[in-house]
Amino acid sequence: MAAAVAFYGRYCDLRVIHERREAGGHVVWLGWGEDPPKFVFVLLAGEYQQNVQPPWQHIGMSVDRRGEVDIAYARAQEDGLEGLWSPTDAGPIVGYYCGVPDPDGNMVEFSFGQRIG
């Protein structure tokens, strides 16, 4: 749990907006601070089996500047993360992107120039 909270804080500027401990569990909501939140990542601590994900399944994060993609990639290299998607300019629709795995193996794509929504 701590590793995931630290990762999403460092790479996505998400912060803990709610946390509770219950019998046998620990729940953390990560968001950007809106009240009420419009979007949250819900992290649940506990025993589970790692799932096998399709190779292009990922979480998409849109950034405001192309350089932010490069910053995320460089940060991941500095942190020694493996399995990165190198920055790539895929042209219209897809835009400029890279991928960084979180501590649980979920890929987070940072993209610029991709119309989301």
PDB file of N, CA and C in Angstrom:
ATOM      1  N   MET A   1       0.821  -1.187   0.000  1.00  0.00           N
ATOM      2  CA  MET A   1       0.000   0.000   0.000  1.00  0.00           C
ATOM      3  C   MET A   1       0.870   1.259   0.000  1.00  0.00           C
ATOM      4  N   ALA A   2       1.861   1.284   0.873  1.00  0.00           N
ATOM      5  CA  ALA A   2       2.721   2.465   0.967  1.00  0.00           C
ATOM      6  C   ALA A   2       3.444   2.727  -0.347  1.00  0.00           C
ATOM      7  N   ALA A   3       3.906   1.665  -1.003  1.00  0.00           N
ATOM      8  CA  ALA A   3       4.606   1.831  -2.281  1.00  0.00           C
ATOM      9  C   ALA A   3       3.683   2.405  -3.345  1.00  0.00           C
ATOM     10  N   ALA A   4       2.432   1.946  -3.397  1.00  0.00           N
ATOM     11  CA  ALA A   4       1.476   2.451  -4.383  1.00  0.00           C
ATOM     12  C   ALA A   4       1.132   3.914  -4.099  1.00  0.00           C
ATOM     13  N   VAL A   5       0.909   4.272  -2.834  1.00  0.00           N
ATOM     14  CA  VAL A   5       0.607   5.656  -2.475  1.00  0.00           C
ATOM     15  C   VAL A   5       1.784   6.559  -2.875  1.00  0.00           C
ATOM     16  N   ALA A   6       3.008   6.119  -2.593  1.00  0.00           N
ATOM     17  CA  ALA A   6       4.196   6.903  -2.949  1.00  0.00           C
ATOM     18  C   ALA A   6       4.334   7.038  -4.458  1.00  0.00           C
ATOM     19  N   PHE A   7       4.117   5.959  -5.208  1.00  0.00           N
ATOM     20  CA  PHE A   7       4.221   5.990  -6.672  1.00  0.00           C
ATOM     21  C   PHE A   7       3.244   6.999  -7.260  1.00  0.00           C
ATOM     22  N   TYR A   8       1.972   6.897  -6.897  1.00  0.00           N
ATOM     23  CA  TYR A   8       0.955   7.772  -7.485  1.00  0.00           C
ATOM     24  C   TYR A   8       1.115   9.220  -7.020  1.00  0.00           C
ATOM     25  N   GLY A   9       1.701   9.429  -5.868  1.00  0.00           N
ATOM     26  CA  GLY A   9       2.034  10.785  -5.452  1.00  0.00           C
ATOM     27  C   GLY A   9       3.167  11.354  -6.278  1.00  0.00           C
ATOM     28  N   ARG A  10       4.211  10.553  -6.465  1.00  0.00           N
ATOM     29  CA  ARG A  10       5.401  10.998  -7.202  1.00  0.00           C
ATOM     30  C   ARG A  10       5.147  11.196  -8.685  1.00  0.00           C
ATOM     31  N   TYR A  11       4.419  10.287  -9.306  1.00  0.00           N
ATOM     32  CA  TYR A  11       4.237  10.328 -10.754  1.00  0.00           C
ATOM     33  C   TYR A  11       2.975  11.047 -11.209  1.00  0.00           C
ATOM     34  N   CYS A  12       1.918  11.046 -10.410  1.00  0.00           N
ATOM     35  CA  CYS A  12       0.623  11.573 -10.859  1.00  0.00           C
ATOM     36  C   CYS A  12       0.078  12.704  -9.993  1.00  0.00           C
ATOM     37  N   ASP A  13       0.821  13.120  -8.978  1.00  0.00           N
ATOM     38  CA  ASP A  13       0.379  14.158  -8.055  1.00  0.00           C
ATOM     39  C   ASP A  13      -0.926  13.824  -7.338  1.00  0.00           C
ATOM     40  N   LEU A  14      -1.243  12.542  -7.222  1.00  0.00           N
ATOM     41  CA  LEU A  14      -2.413  12.125  -6.452  1.00  0.00           C
ATOM     42  C   LEU A  14      -2.033  12.111  -4.979  1.00  0.00           C
ATOM     43  N   ARG A  15      -2.986  12.425  -4.119  1.00  0.00           N
ATOM     44  CA  ARG A  15      -2.713  12.405  -2.691  1.00  0.00           C
ATOM     45  C   ARG A  15      -3.848  11.685  -1.976  1.00  0.00           C
ATOM     46  N   VAL A  16      -3.599  11.277  -0.771  1.00  0.00           N
ATOM     47  CA  VAL A  16      -4.613  10.582   0.016  1.00  0.00           C
ATOM     48  C   VAL A  16      -5.716  11.578   0.370  1.00  0.00           C
ATOM     49  N   ILE A  17      -6.950  11.257  -0.059  1.00  0.00           N
ATOM     50  CA  ILE A  17      -8.083  12.116   0.288  1.00  0.00           C
ATOM     51  C   ILE A  17      -9.029  11.411   1.256  1.00  0.00           C
ATOM     52  N   HIS A  18      -8.820  10.119   1.449  1.00  0.00           N
ATOM     53  CA  HIS A  18      -9.604   9.358   2.424  1.00  0.00           C
ATOM     54  C   HIS A  18      -8.814   8.099   2.759  1.00  0.00           C
ATOM     55  N   GLU A  19      -8.833   7.726   4.018  1.00  0.00           N
ATOM     56  CA  GLU A  19      -8.150   6.497   4.437  1.00  0.00           C
ATOM     57  C   GLU A  19      -8.883   5.934   5.642  1.00  0.00           C
ATOM     58  N   ARG A  20      -9.039   4.625   5.642  1.00  0.00           N
ATOM     59  CA  ARG A  20      -9.638   3.981   6.812  1.00  0.00           C
ATOM     60  C   ARG A  20      -9.089   2.568   6.951  1.00  0.00           C
ATOM     61  N   ARG A  21      -9.058   2.140   8.185  1.00  0.00           N
ATOM     62  CA  ARG A  21      -8.673   0.769   8.500  1.00  0.00           C
ATOM     63  C   ARG A  21      -9.888   0.103   9.107  1.00  0.00           C
ATOM     64  N   GLU A  22     -10.192  -1.057   8.576  1.00  0.00           N
ATOM     65  CA  GLU A  22     -11.319  -1.840   9.076  1.00  0.00           C
ATOM     66  C   GLU A  22     -10.787  -3.206   9.465  1.00  0.00           C
ATOM     67  N   ALA A  23     -11.592  -3.981  10.112  1.00  0.00           N
ATOM     68  CA  ALA A  23     -11.180  -5.341  10.485  1.00  0.00           C
ATOM     69  C   ALA A  23     -10.710  -6.072   9.228  1.00  0.00           C
ATOM     70  N   GLY A  24      -9.440  -6.408   9.200  1.00  0.00           N
ATOM     71  CA  GLY A  24      -8.892  -7.165   8.083  1.00  0.00           C
ATOM     72  C   GLY A  24      -8.631  -6.358   6.824  1.00  0.00           C
ATOM     73  N   GLY A  25      -8.701  -5.042   6.868  1.00  0.00           N
ATOM     74  CA  GLY A  25      -8.485  -4.290   5.641  1.00  0.00           C
ATOM     75  C   GLY A  25      -8.005  -2.870   5.855  1.00  0.00           C
ATOM     76  N   HIS A  26      -7.445  -2.330   4.807  1.00  0.00           N
ATOM     77  CA  HIS A  26      -6.934  -0.968   4.780  1.00  0.00           C
ATOM     78  C   HIS A  26      -7.363  -0.395   3.437  1.00  0.00           C
ATOM     79  N   VAL A  27      -8.068   0.738   3.449  1.00  0.00           N
ATOM     80  CA  VAL A  27      -8.585   1.362   2.238  1.00  0.00           C
ATOM     81  C   VAL A  27      -8.010   2.767   2.119  1.00  0.00           C
ATOM     82  N   VAL A  28      -7.517   3.097   0.929  1.00  0.00           N
ATOM     83  CA  VAL A  28      -7.013   4.442   0.659  1.00  0.00           C
ATOM     84  C   VAL A  28      -7.622   4.923  -0.642  1.00  0.00           C
ATOM     85  N   TRP A  29      -8.145   6.146  -0.620  1.00  0.00           N
ATOM     86  CA  TRP A  29      -8.593   6.808  -1.846  1.00  0.00           C
ATOM     87  C   TRP A  29      -7.540   7.846  -2.207  1.00  0.00           C
ATOM     88  N   LEU A  30      -7.119   7.850  -3.466  1.00  0.00           N
ATOM     89  CA  LEU A  30      -6.184   8.851  -3.969  1.00  0.00           C
ATOM     90  C   LEU A  30      -6.916   9.756  -4.943  1.00  0.00           C
ATOM     91  N   GLY A  31      -6.692  11.050  -4.847  1.00  0.00           N
ATOM     92  CA  GLY A  31      -7.323  12.001  -5.760  1.00  0.00           C
ATOM     93  C   GLY A  31      -6.506  13.271  -5.832  1.00  0.00           C
ATOM     94  N   TRP A  32      -7.095  14.278  -6.488  1.00  0.00           N
ATOM     95  CA  TRP A  32      -6.409  15.555  -6.661  1.00  0.00           C
ATOM     96  C   TRP A  32      -6.919  16.624  -5.703  1.00  0.00           C
ATOM     97  N   GLY A  33      -7.846  16.293  -4.822  1.00  0.00           N
ATOM     98  CA  GLY A  33      -8.253  17.222  -3.791  1.00  0.00           C
ATOM     99  C   GLY A  33      -9.577  17.912  -3.994  1.00  0.00           C
ATOM    100  N   GLU A  34     -10.297  17.624  -5.086  1.00  0.00           N
ATOM    101  CA  GLU A  34     -11.615  18.239  -5.239  1.00  0.00           C
ATOM    102  C   GLU A  34     -12.526  17.781  -4.108  1.00  0.00           C
ATOM    103  N   ASP A  35     -13.483  18.636  -3.757  1.00  0.00           N
ATOM    104  CA  ASP A  35     -14.424  18.271  -2.714  1.00  0.00           C
ATOM    105  C   ASP A  35     -15.830  18.626  -3.184  1.00  0.00           C
ATOM    106  N   PRO A  36     -16.629  17.657  -3.538  1.00  0.00           N
ATOM    107  CA  PRO A  36     -16.355  16.228  -3.483  1.00  0.00           C
ATOM    108  C   PRO A  36     -15.458  15.795  -4.647  1.00  0.00           C
ATOM    109  N   PRO A  37     -14.740  14.696  -4.478  1.00  0.00           N
ATOM    110  CA  PRO A  37     -13.854  14.240  -5.554  1.00  0.00           C
ATOM    111  C   PRO A  37     -14.637  13.800  -6.784  1.00  0.00           C
ATOM    112  N   LYS A  38     -14.084  14.127  -7.966  1.00  0.00           N
ATOM    113  CA  LYS A  38     -14.691  13.717  -9.232  1.00  0.00           C
ATOM    114  C   LYS A  38     -14.100  12.401  -9.725  1.00  0.00           C
ATOM    115  N   PHE A  39     -12.929  12.063  -9.190  1.00  0.00           N
ATOM    116  CA  PHE A  39     -12.220  10.863  -9.619  1.00  0.00           C
ATOM    117  C   PHE A  39     -11.345  10.397  -8.470  1.00  0.00           C
ATOM    118  N   VAL A  40     -11.323   9.109  -8.209  1.00  0.00           N
ATOM    119  CA  VAL A  40     -10.421   8.563  -7.193  1.00  0.00           C
ATOM    120  C   VAL A  40      -9.876   7.216  -7.656  1.00  0.00           C
ATOM    121  N   PHE A  41      -8.669   6.906  -7.210  1.00  0.00           N
ATOM    122  CA  PHE A  41      -8.137   5.557  -7.266  1.00  0.00           C
ATOM    123  C   PHE A  41      -8.429   4.978  -5.894  1.00  0.00           C
ATOM    124  N   VAL A  42      -9.017   3.815  -5.853  1.00  0.00           N
ATOM    125  CA  VAL A  42      -9.293   3.162  -4.584  1.00  0.00           C
ATOM    126  C   VAL A  42      -8.301   2.014  -4.434  1.00  0.00           C
ATOM    127  N   LEU A  43      -7.469   2.090  -3.408  1.00  0.00           N
ATOM    128  CA  LEU A  43      -6.486   1.052  -3.145  1.00  0.00           C
ATOM    129  C   LEU A  43      -6.956   0.231  -1.958  1.00  0.00           C
ATOM    130  N   LEU A  44      -6.907  -1.069  -2.105  1.00  0.00           N
ATOM    131  CA  LEU A  44      -7.328  -1.988  -1.052  1.00  0.00           C
ATOM    132  C   LEU A  44      -6.157  -2.879  -0.694  1.00  0.00           C
ATOM    133  N   ALA A  45      -5.768  -2.874   0.561  1.00  0.00           N
ATOM    134  CA  ALA A  45      -4.688  -3.751   1.007  1.00  0.00           C
ATOM    135  C   ALA A  45      -5.296  -5.071   1.444  1.00  0.00           C
ATOM    136  N   GLY A  46      -4.626  -6.136   1.138  1.00  0.00           N
ATOM    137  CA  GLY A  46      -5.089  -7.448   1.546  1.00  0.00           C
ATOM    138  C   GLY A  46      -4.462  -8.514   0.691  1.00  0.00           C
ATOM    139  N   GLU A  47      -4.813  -9.730   0.964  1.00  0.00           N
ATOM    140  CA  GLU A  47      -4.278 -10.847   0.193  1.00  0.00           C
ATOM    141  C   GLU A  47      -5.059 -11.007  -1.102  1.00  0.00           C
ATOM    142  N   TYR A  48      -4.361 -11.096  -2.193  1.00  0.00           N
ATOM    143  CA  TYR A  48      -4.980 -11.357  -3.484  1.00  0.00           C
ATOM    144  C   TYR A  48      -3.925 -11.937  -4.409  1.00  0.00           C
ATOM    145  N   GLN A  49      -4.375 -12.501  -5.501  1.00  0.00           N
ATOM    146  CA  GLN A  49      -3.447 -13.055  -6.478  1.00  0.00           C
ATOM    147  C   GLN A  49      -3.243 -12.047  -7.585  1.00  0.00           C
ATOM    148  N   GLN A  50      -1.997 -11.911  -8.029  1.00  0.00           N
ATOM    149  CA  GLN A  50      -1.689 -11.001  -9.130  1.00  0.00           C
ATOM    150  C   GLN A  50      -2.387 -11.495 -10.387  1.00  0.00           C
ATOM    151  N   ASN A  51      -3.108 -10.611 -11.035  1.00  0.00           N
ATOM    152  CA  ASN A  51      -3.772 -10.999 -12.275  1.00  0.00           C
ATOM    153  C   ASN A  51      -2.819 -10.853 -13.453  1.00  0.00           C
ATOM    154  N   VAL A  52      -3.126 -11.514 -14.525  1.00  0.00           N
ATOM    155  CA  VAL A  52      -2.348 -11.400 -15.754  1.00  0.00           C
ATOM    156  C   VAL A  52      -3.119 -10.449 -16.662  1.00  0.00           C
ATOM    157  N   GLN A  53      -2.470  -9.366 -17.035  1.00  0.00           N
ATOM    158  CA  GLN A  53      -3.147  -8.332 -17.803  1.00  0.00           C
ATOM    159  C   GLN A  53      -2.793  -8.420 -19.280  1.00  0.00           C
ATOM    160  N   PRO A  54      -3.742  -8.026 -20.149  1.00  0.00           N
ATOM    161  CA  PRO A  54      -3.402  -7.920 -21.565  1.00  0.00           C
ATOM    162  C   PRO A  54      -2.262  -6.904 -21.728  1.00  0.00           C
ATOM    163  N   PRO A  55      -1.404  -7.070 -22.731  1.00  0.00           N
ATOM    164  CA  PRO A  55      -0.203  -6.248 -22.837  1.00  0.00           C
ATOM    165  C   PRO A  55      -0.454  -4.754 -22.998  1.00  0.00           C
ATOM    166  N   TRP A  56      -1.577  -4.333 -23.538  1.00  0.00           N
ATOM    167  CA  TRP A  56      -1.808  -2.897 -23.723  1.00  0.00           C
ATOM    168  C   TRP A  56      -2.838  -2.341 -22.753  1.00  0.00           C
ATOM    169  N   GLN A  57      -3.286  -3.136 -21.788  1.00  0.00           N
ATOM    170  CA  GLN A  57      -4.187  -2.606 -20.763  1.00  0.00           C
ATOM    171  C   GLN A  57      -3.391  -1.628 -19.907  1.00  0.00           C
ATOM    172  N   HIS A  58      -3.948  -0.444 -19.662  1.00  0.00           N
ATOM    173  CA  HIS A  58      -3.205   0.548 -18.894  1.00  0.00           C
ATOM    174  C   HIS A  58      -4.134   1.618 -18.347  1.00  0.00           C
ATOM    175  N   ILE A  59      -3.578   2.425 -17.463  1.00  0.00           N
ATOM    176  CA  ILE A  59      -4.233   3.608 -16.927  1.00  0.00           C
ATOM    177  C   ILE A  59      -3.692   4.788 -17.720  1.00  0.00           C
ATOM    178  N   GLY A  60      -4.549   5.643 -18.230  1.00  0.00           N
ATOM    179  CA  GLY A  60      -4.114   6.783 -19.033  1.00  0.00           C
ATOM    180  C   GLY A  60      -4.131   8.076 -18.249  1.00  0.00           C
ATOM    181  N   MET A  61      -3.021   8.800 -18.275  1.00  0.00           N
ATOM    182  CA  MET A  61      -2.911  10.113 -17.632  1.00  0.00           C
ATOM    183  C   MET A  61      -2.534  11.129 -18.702  1.00  0.00           C
ATOM    184  N   SER A  62      -3.397  12.108 -18.914  1.00  0.00           N
ATOM    185  CA  SER A  62      -3.102  13.173 -19.867  1.00  0.00           C
ATOM    186  C   SER A  62      -2.293  14.255 -19.170  1.00  0.00           C
ATOM    187  N   VAL A  63      -1.242  14.731 -19.838  1.00  0.00           N
ATOM    188  CA  VAL A  63      -0.415  15.805 -19.273  1.00  0.00           C
ATOM    189  C   VAL A  63      -0.527  17.047 -20.154  1.00  0.00           C
ATOM    190  N   ASP A  64      -0.162  18.200 -19.607  1.00  0.00           N
ATOM    191  CA  ASP A  64      -0.351  19.480 -20.298  1.00  0.00           C
ATOM    192  C   ASP A  64       0.745  19.834 -21.293  1.00  0.00           C
ATOM    193  N   ARG A  65       1.935  19.245 -21.125  1.00  0.00           N
ATOM    194  CA  ARG A  65       3.059  19.577 -22.002  1.00  0.00           C
ATOM    195  C   ARG A  65       3.816  18.313 -22.401  1.00  0.00           C
ATOM    196  N   ARG A  66       4.331  18.326 -23.610  1.00  0.00           N
ATOM    197  CA  ARG A  66       5.101  17.187 -24.119  1.00  0.00           C
ATOM    198  C   ARG A  66       6.257  16.833 -23.183  1.00  0.00           C
ATOM    199  N   GLY A  67       6.912  17.846 -22.642  1.00  0.00           N
ATOM    200  CA  GLY A  67       8.045  17.626 -21.755  1.00  0.00           C
ATOM    201  C   GLY A  67       7.692  16.843 -20.502  1.00  0.00           C
ATOM    202  N   GLU A  68       6.426  16.876 -20.083  1.00  0.00           N
ATOM    203  CA  GLU A  68       6.013  16.114 -18.901  1.00  0.00           C
ATOM    204  C   GLU A  68       6.091  14.611 -19.153  1.00  0.00           C
ATOM    205  N   VAL A  69       5.908  14.193 -20.390  1.00  0.00           N
ATOM    206  CA  VAL A  69       6.074  12.776 -20.747  1.00  0.00           C
ATOM    207  C   VAL A  69       7.532  12.389 -20.526  1.00  0.00           C
ATOM    208  N   ASP A  70       8.433  13.233 -21.013  1.00  0.00           N
ATOM    209  CA  ASP A  70       9.865  12.968 -20.858  1.00  0.00           C
ATOM    210  C   ASP A  70      10.279  12.968 -19.390  1.00  0.00           C
ATOM    211  N   ILE A  71       9.683  13.850 -18.600  1.00  0.00           N
ATOM    212  CA  ILE A  71       9.995  13.912 -17.167  1.00  0.00           C
ATOM    213  C   ILE A  71       9.571  12.610 -16.481  1.00  0.00           C
ATOM    214  N   ALA A  72       8.372  12.127 -16.781  1.00  0.00           N
ATOM    215  CA  ALA A  72       7.896  10.876 -16.171  1.00  0.00           C
ATOM    216  C   ALA A  72       8.823   9.716 -16.543  1.00  0.00           C
ATOM    217  N   TYR A  73       9.229   9.663 -17.802  1.00  0.00           N
ATOM    218  CA  TYR A  73      10.119   8.585 -18.258  1.00  0.00           C
ATOM    219  C   TYR A  73      11.484   8.677 -17.571  1.00  0.00           C
ATOM    220  N   ALA A  74      12.049   9.883 -17.522  1.00  0.00           N
ATOM    221  CA  ALA A  74      13.358  10.063 -16.883  1.00  0.00           C
ATOM    222  C   ALA A  74      13.291   9.718 -15.392  1.00  0.00           C
ATOM    223  N   ARG A  75      12.213  10.100 -14.737  1.00  0.00           N
ATOM    224  CA  ARG A  75      12.034   9.797 -13.315  1.00  0.00           C
ATOM    225  C   ARG A  75      12.007   8.278 -13.108  1.00  0.00           C
ATOM    226  N   ALA A  76      11.291   7.574 -13.985  1.00  0.00           N
ATOM    227  CA  ALA A  76      11.203   6.115 -13.878  1.00  0.00           C
ATOM    228  C   ALA A  76      12.567   5.458 -14.107  1.00  0.00           C
ATOM    229  N   GLN A  77      13.334   5.987 -15.059  1.00  0.00           N
ATOM    230  CA  GLN A  77      14.682   5.464 -15.274  1.00  0.00           C
ATOM    231  C   GLN A  77      15.552   5.693 -14.035  1.00  0.00           C
ATOM    232  N   GLU A  78      15.482   6.900 -13.458  1.00  0.00           N
ATOM    233  CA  GLU A  78      16.243   7.214 -12.248  1.00  0.00           C
ATOM    234  C   GLU A  78      15.858   6.277 -11.102  1.00  0.00           C
ATOM    235  N   ASP A  79      14.574   5.919 -11.045  1.00  0.00           N
ATOM    236  CA  ASP A  79      14.086   5.041  -9.980  1.00  0.00           C
ATOM    237  C   ASP A  79      14.390   3.569 -10.249  1.00  0.00           C
ATOM    238  N   GLY A  80      14.973   3.281 -11.426  1.00  0.00           N
ATOM    239  CA  GLY A  80      15.353   1.906 -11.753  1.00  0.00           C
ATOM    240  C   GLY A  80      14.174   1.008 -12.108  1.00  0.00           C
ATOM    241  N   LEU A  81      13.064   1.600 -12.537  1.00  0.00           N
ATOM    242  CA  LEU A  81      11.909   0.783 -12.905  1.00  0.00           C
ATOM    243  C   LEU A  81      12.170   0.053 -14.217  1.00  0.00           C
ATOM    244  N   GLU A  82      11.603  -1.129 -14.327  1.00  0.00           N
ATOM    245  CA  GLU A  82      11.786  -1.952 -15.525  1.00  0.00           C
ATOM    246  C   GLU A  82      10.466  -2.076 -16.280  1.00  0.00           C
ATOM    247  N   GLY A  83      10.552  -2.432 -17.565  1.00  0.00           N
ATOM    248  CA  GLY A  83       9.356  -2.640 -18.372  1.00  0.00           C
ATOM    249  C   GLY A  83       8.734  -1.361 -18.874  1.00  0.00           C
ATOM    250  N   LEU A  84       9.530  -0.290 -18.963  1.00  0.00           N
ATOM    251  CA  LEU A  84       9.020   1.008 -19.401  1.00  0.00           C
ATOM    252  C   LEU A  84       8.666   0.999 -20.884  1.00  0.00           C
ATOM    253  N   TRP A  85       7.694   1.809 -21.259  1.00  0.00           N
ATOM    254  CA  TRP A  85       7.441   2.115 -22.669  1.00  0.00           C
ATOM    255  C   TRP A  85       8.182   3.420 -22.947  1.00  0.00           C
ATOM    256  N   SER A  86       9.138   3.381 -23.844  1.00  0.00           N
ATOM    257  CA  SER A  86       9.913   4.577 -24.184  1.00  0.00           C
ATOM    258  C   SER A  86       9.014   5.649 -24.783  1.00  0.00           C
ATOM    259  N   PRO A  87       9.369   6.945 -24.590  1.00  0.00           N
ATOM    260  CA  PRO A  87       8.592   8.002 -25.224  1.00  0.00           C
ATOM    261  C   PRO A  87       8.505   7.784 -26.735  1.00  0.00           C
ATOM    262  N   THR A  88       7.288   7.877 -27.230  1.00  0.00           N
ATOM    263  CA  THR A  88       7.007   7.604 -28.639  1.00  0.00           C
ATOM    264  C   THR A  88       6.013   8.637 -29.152  1.00  0.00           C
ATOM    265  N   ASP A  89       6.268   9.165 -30.341  1.00  0.00           N
ATOM    266  CA  ASP A  89       5.294  10.061 -30.971  1.00  0.00           C
ATOM    267  C   ASP A  89       4.540   9.238 -32.000  1.00  0.00           C
ATOM    268  N   ALA A  90       3.292   8.905 -31.687  1.00  0.00           N
ATOM    269  CA  ALA A  90       2.471   8.067 -32.562  1.00  0.00           C
ATOM    270  C   ALA A  90       1.541   8.884 -33.453  1.00  0.00           C
ATOM    271  N   GLY A  91       1.756  10.190 -33.507  1.00  0.00           N
ATOM    272  CA  GLY A  91       0.962  11.037 -34.389  1.00  0.00           C
ATOM    273  C   GLY A  91      -0.433  11.317 -33.848  1.00  0.00           C
ATOM    274  N   PRO A  92      -1.302  11.822 -34.754  1.00  0.00           N
ATOM    275  CA  PRO A  92      -2.656  12.191 -34.333  1.00  0.00           C
ATOM    276  C   PRO A  92      -3.405  11.036 -33.656  1.00  0.00           C
ATOM    277  N   ILE A  93      -4.263  11.375 -32.799  1.00  0.00           N
ATOM    278  CA  ILE A  93      -5.111  10.528 -31.966  1.00  0.00           C
ATOM    279  C   ILE A  93      -4.335   9.987 -30.775  1.00  0.00           C
ATOM    280  N   VAL A  94      -3.234   9.281 -31.005  1.00  0.00           N
ATOM    281  CA  VAL A  94      -2.490   8.681 -29.898  1.00  0.00           C
ATOM    282  C   VAL A  94      -1.566   9.704 -29.242  1.00  0.00           C
ATOM    283  N   GLY A  95      -0.911  10.540 -30.017  1.00  0.00           N
ATOM    284  CA  GLY A  95      -0.036  11.572 -29.473  1.00  0.00           C
ATOM    285  C   GLY A  95       1.312  11.046 -29.020  1.00  0.00           C
ATOM    286  N   TYR A  96       1.939  11.792 -28.132  1.00  0.00           N
ATOM    287  CA  TYR A  96       3.261  11.490 -27.597  1.00  0.00           C
ATOM    288  C   TYR A  96       3.071  10.873 -26.217  1.00  0.00           C
ATOM    289  N   TYR A  97       3.660   9.721 -25.989  1.00  0.00           N
ATOM    290  CA  TYR A  97       3.385   9.002 -24.744  1.00  0.00           C
ATOM    291  C   TYR A  97       4.577   8.169 -24.295  1.00  0.00           C
ATOM    292  N   CYS A  98       4.527   7.776 -23.015  1.00  0.00           N
ATOM    293  CA  CYS A  98       5.429   6.776 -22.456  1.00  0.00           C
ATOM    294  C   CYS A  98       4.623   5.972 -21.448  1.00  0.00           C
ATOM    295  N   GLY A  99       5.173   4.854 -20.976  1.00  0.00           N
ATOM    296  CA  GLY A  99       4.491   4.035 -19.985  1.00  0.00           C
ATOM    297  C   GLY A  99       5.413   3.698 -18.831  1.00  0.00           C
ATOM    298  N   VAL A 100       4.850   3.756 -17.620  1.00  0.00           N
ATOM    299  CA  VAL A 100       5.603   3.495 -16.393  1.00  0.00           C
ATOM    300  C   VAL A 100       4.795   2.518 -15.540  1.00  0.00           C
ATOM    301  N   PRO A 101       5.378   1.379 -15.149  1.00  0.00           N
ATOM    302  CA  PRO A 101       4.627   0.438 -14.312  1.00  0.00           C
ATOM    303  C   PRO A 101       4.573   0.883 -12.851  1.00  0.00           C
ATOM    304  N   ASP A 102       3.397   0.719 -12.240  1.00  0.00           N
ATOM    305  CA  ASP A 102       3.284   1.018 -10.808  1.00  0.00           C
ATOM    306  C   ASP A 102       3.799  -0.175 -10.009  1.00  0.00           C
ATOM    307  N   PRO A 103       3.856  -0.089  -8.691  1.00  0.00           N
ATOM    308  CA  PRO A 103       4.421  -1.186  -7.889  1.00  0.00           C
ATOM    309  C   PRO A 103       3.690  -2.518  -8.021  1.00  0.00           C
ATOM    310  N   ASP A 104       2.426  -2.502  -8.470  1.00  0.00           N
ATOM    311  CA  ASP A 104       1.670  -3.740  -8.635  1.00  0.00           C
ATOM    312  C   ASP A 104       1.685  -4.256 -10.069  1.00  0.00           C
ATOM    313  N   GLY A 105       2.452  -3.597 -10.955  1.00  0.00           N
ATOM    314  CA  GLY A 105       2.557  -4.048 -12.335  1.00  0.00           C
ATOM    315  C   GLY A 105       1.527  -3.447 -13.277  1.00  0.00           C
ATOM    316  N   ASN A 106       0.697  -2.517 -12.802  1.00  0.00           N
ATOM    317  CA  ASN A 106      -0.248  -1.829 -13.682  1.00  0.00           C
ATOM    318  C   ASN A 106       0.509  -0.769 -14.462  1.00  0.00           C
ATOM    319  N   MET A 107       0.321  -0.721 -15.775  1.00  0.00           N
ATOM    320  CA  MET A 107       1.012   0.266 -16.586  1.00  0.00           C
ATOM    321  C   MET A 107       0.249   1.583 -16.541  1.00  0.00           C
ATOM    322  N   VAL A 108       0.992   2.678 -16.341  1.00  0.00           N
ATOM    323  CA  VAL A 108       0.422   4.022 -16.362  1.00  0.00           C
ATOM    324  C   VAL A 108       1.017   4.731 -17.572  1.00  0.00           C
ATOM    325  N   GLU A 109       0.139   5.128 -18.508  1.00  0.00           N
ATOM    326  CA  GLU A 109       0.571   5.850 -19.705  1.00  0.00           C
ATOM    327  C   GLU A 109       0.441   7.343 -19.455  1.00  0.00           C
ATOM    328  N   PHE A 110       1.519   8.079 -19.735  1.00  0.00           N
ATOM    329  CA  PHE A 110       1.503   9.531 -19.684  1.00  0.00           C
ATOM    330  C   PHE A 110       1.486  10.017 -21.128  1.00  0.00           C
ATOM    331  N   SER A 111       0.449  10.779 -21.510  1.00  0.00           N
ATOM    332  CA  SER A 111       0.316  11.164 -22.908  1.00  0.00           C
ATOM    333  C   SER A 111       0.070  12.662 -23.062  1.00  0.00           C
ATOM    334  N   PHE A 112       0.604  13.201 -24.161  1.00  0.00           N
ATOM    335  CA  PHE A 112       0.380  14.597 -24.549  1.00  0.00           C
ATOM    336  C   PHE A 112      -0.145  14.591 -25.975  1.00  0.00           C
ATOM    337  N   GLY A 113      -1.154  15.407 -26.234  1.00  0.00           N
ATOM    338  CA  GLY A 113      -1.685  15.521 -27.591  1.00  0.00           C
ATOM    339  C   GLY A 113      -2.717  14.450 -27.912  1.00  0.00           C
ATOM    340  N   GLN A 114      -3.227  13.812 -26.906  1.00  0.00           N
ATOM    341  CA  GLN A 114      -4.233  12.772 -27.083  1.00  0.00           C
ATOM    342  C   GLN A 114      -5.551  13.322 -26.530  1.00  0.00           C
ATOM    343  N   ARG A 115      -6.522  13.410 -27.376  1.00  0.00           N
ATOM    344  CA  ARG A 115      -7.811  13.949 -26.917  1.00  0.00           C
ATOM    345  C   ARG A 115      -8.543  12.865 -26.128  1.00  0.00           C
ATOM    346  N   ILE A 116      -8.699  13.110 -24.853  1.00  0.00           N
ATOM    347  CA  ILE A 116      -9.418  12.169 -23.995  1.00  0.00           C
ATOM    348  C   ILE A 116     -10.758  12.813 -23.671  1.00  0.00           C
ATOM    349  N   GLY A 117     -11.840  12.127 -23.983  1.00  0.00           N
ATOM    350  CA  GLY A 117     -13.166  12.663 -23.707  1.00  0.00           C
ATOM    351  C   GLY A 117     -13.689  13.420 -24.875  1.00  0.00           C
TER     352      GLY A 117
END
